[in-house]
Every structure is written in C-alpha cells, then in structure tokens.
C-alpha cells in the first residue's frame, strides 16, 4: 500500500518537474521582447531583420528560413532546432556554430532559456499562434 502512495507522489513530482522544464511562454515573451527583438521578429507579419524571423523555428532545420542570408556555418551546421539544440546555441552561439553571424554573447540562465523556448513554440511557421 505504501509503495503505491510513494509511486503516486513520485509521479506527481516528475510531472511538476516536467512542467517547470517546459517553461512559461508569458515569461518568455517578456524576455524575448527585452533581449531578442532588436534582431528578430515573431508573430503575424514578422519579417527577417538583422536575424531571421523566428516563426516556427522550433522544429525547423537551421539555416533554412526563406529570404534570410545565413552564414555558410549555419547552413551547414546540421542542426534542427529543438529544445536542446536551441538551449545550447542560445547559451553560446559562436561556440555552438563557429562562424555564425549571430553576435549575441549568450543567455545562460536555464529558466530564461526554457521560457523563451516555450514562447517560440507557441508560433506556427506562418506566425499564427498554436491553439492550446
């Protein structure tokens, strides 16, 4: 009997940990607005700026956003953006993809990275918001 209770409580802890790891899109939007918008756009009508627009970036092969002139390093990186590859890249862009044009120093706070990733994941490739 105690085993079932322990396993149930352990399962709740794992679920809570997973929810935290998934990030908070609202917090991610605030970080994105303060850190990313000088170079990147997202949402309806977003266009490439100094950096590519980020609509549908999670799940997209790196270096493939139409109309953006990527470095050869990014085009040939072999990356597909998922939570892990994005977290590694955003923490150290030039260390992850030597030769990238992205001059950002890096965002290393794991919570901030998870929140920005959660925010990015809310957008489809056409800039519309994913239905929840």
Protein backbone atom coordinates (compact mmCIF):
# COMPACT_ATOMS: atom_id res chain seq x y z
CA UNK A 1 0.00 0.00 0.00
CA UNK A 2 2.73 2.48 0.90
CA UNK A 3 4.51 1.65 -2.38
CA UNK A 4 1.53 2.78 -4.41
CA UNK A 5 1.35 6.04 -2.45
CA UNK A 6 5.08 6.61 -2.85
CA UNK A 7 4.96 5.89 -6.57
CA UNK A 8 1.99 8.22 -6.99
CA UNK A 9 3.76 11.03 -5.14
CA UNK A 10 6.94 10.40 -7.14
CA UNK A 11 4.89 10.59 -10.35
CA UNK A 12 3.46 13.95 -9.28
CA UNK A 13 6.96 15.25 -8.61
CA UNK A 14 8.09 14.13 -12.06
CA UNK A 15 5.08 15.78 -13.65
CA UNK A 16 5.77 19.02 -11.76
CA UNK A 17 9.40 18.90 -12.82
CA UNK A 18 8.38 18.38 -16.43
CA UNK A 19 6.01 21.35 -16.26
CA UNK A 20 8.80 23.56 -14.92
CA UNK A 21 11.22 22.35 -17.59
CA UNK A 22 8.67 23.20 -20.28
CA UNK A 23 8.91 26.90 -19.45
CA UNK A 24 6.44 29.74 -19.19
CA UNK A 25 5.53 31.32 -22.55
CA UNK A 26 4.34 34.58 -20.91
CA UNK A 27 7.67 34.99 -19.12
CA UNK A 28 9.43 34.01 -22.34
CA UNK A 29 7.61 36.73 -24.24
CA UNK A 30 8.91 39.36 -21.80
CA UNK A 31 12.47 38.09 -22.14
CA UNK A 32 12.12 37.89 -25.93
CA UNK A 33 10.87 41.49 -26.05
CA UNK A 34 13.80 42.75 -23.98
CA UNK A 35 16.59 40.62 -25.45
CA UNK A 36 15.70 39.39 -28.95
CA UNK A 37 13.53 41.94 -30.77
CA UNK A 38 16.39 44.20 -31.80
CA UNK A 39 17.40 41.46 -34.27
CA UNK A 40 14.46 39.02 -34.57
CA UNK A 41 10.71 39.24 -35.20
CA UNK A 42 7.98 36.73 -34.46
CA UNK A 43 4.23 36.61 -34.95
CA UNK A 44 1.89 37.65 -37.75
CA UNK A 45 3.64 39.75 -40.38
CA UNK A 46 7.13 39.05 -38.97
CA UNK A 47 9.95 39.60 -41.41
CA UNK A 48 13.65 38.93 -41.41
CA UNK A 49 15.68 41.66 -39.75
CA UNK A 50 19.32 41.57 -38.75
CA UNK A 51 18.45 37.96 -37.84
CA UNK A 52 15.82 35.69 -39.37
CA UNK A 53 12.20 35.77 -38.25
CA UNK A 54 11.57 33.07 -35.69
CA UNK A 55 8.08 31.89 -36.64
CA UNK A 56 8.05 28.10 -36.44
CA UNK A 57 11.74 28.00 -35.51
CA UNK A 58 11.38 25.09 -33.08
CA UNK A 59 11.33 22.05 -35.34
CA UNK A 60 12.92 23.86 -38.30
CA UNK A 61 16.27 22.92 -39.82
CA UNK A 62 18.85 25.63 -39.04
CA UNK A 63 19.77 27.96 -41.88
CA UNK A 64 16.60 27.46 -43.90
CA UNK A 65 14.29 30.46 -43.26
CA UNK A 66 13.32 31.76 -46.69
CA UNK A 67 14.80 35.10 -47.69
CA UNK A 68 17.44 35.26 -44.97
CA UNK A 69 21.14 35.22 -45.88
CA UNK A 70 22.68 32.77 -43.44
CA UNK A 71 26.37 32.19 -42.91
CA UNK A 72 27.75 29.05 -44.50
CA UNK A 73 28.43 27.81 -40.97
CA UNK A 74 24.74 27.98 -40.04
CA UNK A 75 23.55 26.49 -43.33
CA UNK A 76 25.97 23.59 -42.90
CA UNK A 77 25.54 23.15 -39.13
CA UNK A 78 23.28 20.12 -39.44
CA UNK A 79 21.15 21.43 -36.57
CA UNK A 80 17.42 21.12 -36.34
CA UNK A 81 16.06 23.45 -33.68
CA UNK A 82 14.59 21.62 -30.74
CA UNK A 83 14.71 22.46 -27.04
CA UNK A 84 18.19 21.00 -26.55
CA UNK A 85 19.85 22.44 -29.66
CA UNK A 86 18.27 25.86 -29.12
CA UNK A 87 19.36 25.92 -25.45
CA UNK A 88 22.93 25.04 -26.39
CA UNK A 89 23.04 27.59 -29.20
CA UNK A 90 21.45 30.49 -27.30
CA UNK A 91 23.87 29.94 -24.40
CA UNK A 92 26.92 30.17 -26.69
CA UNK A 93 26.09 30.92 -30.34
CA UNK A 94 29.65 31.19 -31.61
CA UNK A 95 30.86 28.22 -29.60
CA UNK A 96 27.99 26.06 -30.87
CA UNK A 97 28.20 27.15 -34.52
CA UNK A 98 31.65 28.65 -35.15
CA UNK A 99 31.31 31.17 -37.97
CA UNK A 100 27.68 32.09 -37.25
CA UNK A 101 26.72 35.70 -37.96
CA UNK A 102 24.88 35.90 -34.63
CA UNK A 103 26.90 38.20 -32.42
CA UNK A 104 24.85 37.70 -29.24
CA UNK A 105 27.02 36.87 -26.21
CA UNK A 106 24.66 34.22 -24.91
CA UNK A 107 21.81 33.59 -22.49
CA UNK A 108 22.81 31.02 -19.90
CA UNK A 109 20.04 31.14 -17.30
CA UNK A 110 18.24 27.80 -17.78
CA UNK A 111 14.87 29.19 -16.67
CA UNK A 112 15.09 32.11 -19.11
CA UNK A 113 16.08 29.74 -21.92
CA UNK A 114 13.18 27.39 -21.12
CA UNK A 115 10.78 30.34 -21.03
CA UNK A 116 11.94 31.76 -24.37
CA UNK A 117 11.76 28.30 -25.91
CA UNK A 118 8.21 27.86 -24.62
CA UNK A 119 7.30 31.25 -26.13
CA UNK A 120 8.85 30.38 -29.51
CA UNK A 121 6.98 27.07 -29.53
CA UNK A 122 3.65 28.93 -29.44
CA UNK A 123 4.11 30.18 -33.03
CA UNK A 124 3.43 28.31 -36.24
CA UNK A 125 5.58 28.88 -39.33
CA UNK A 126 3.03 31.38 -40.68
CA UNK A 127 3.18 33.47 -37.49
CA UNK A 128 -0.16 32.37 -36.13
CA UNK A 129 -0.41 31.18 -32.55
CA UNK A 130 -0.78 27.47 -31.95
CA UNK A 131 -4.10 26.50 -30.44
CA UNK A 132 -3.75 25.23 -26.90
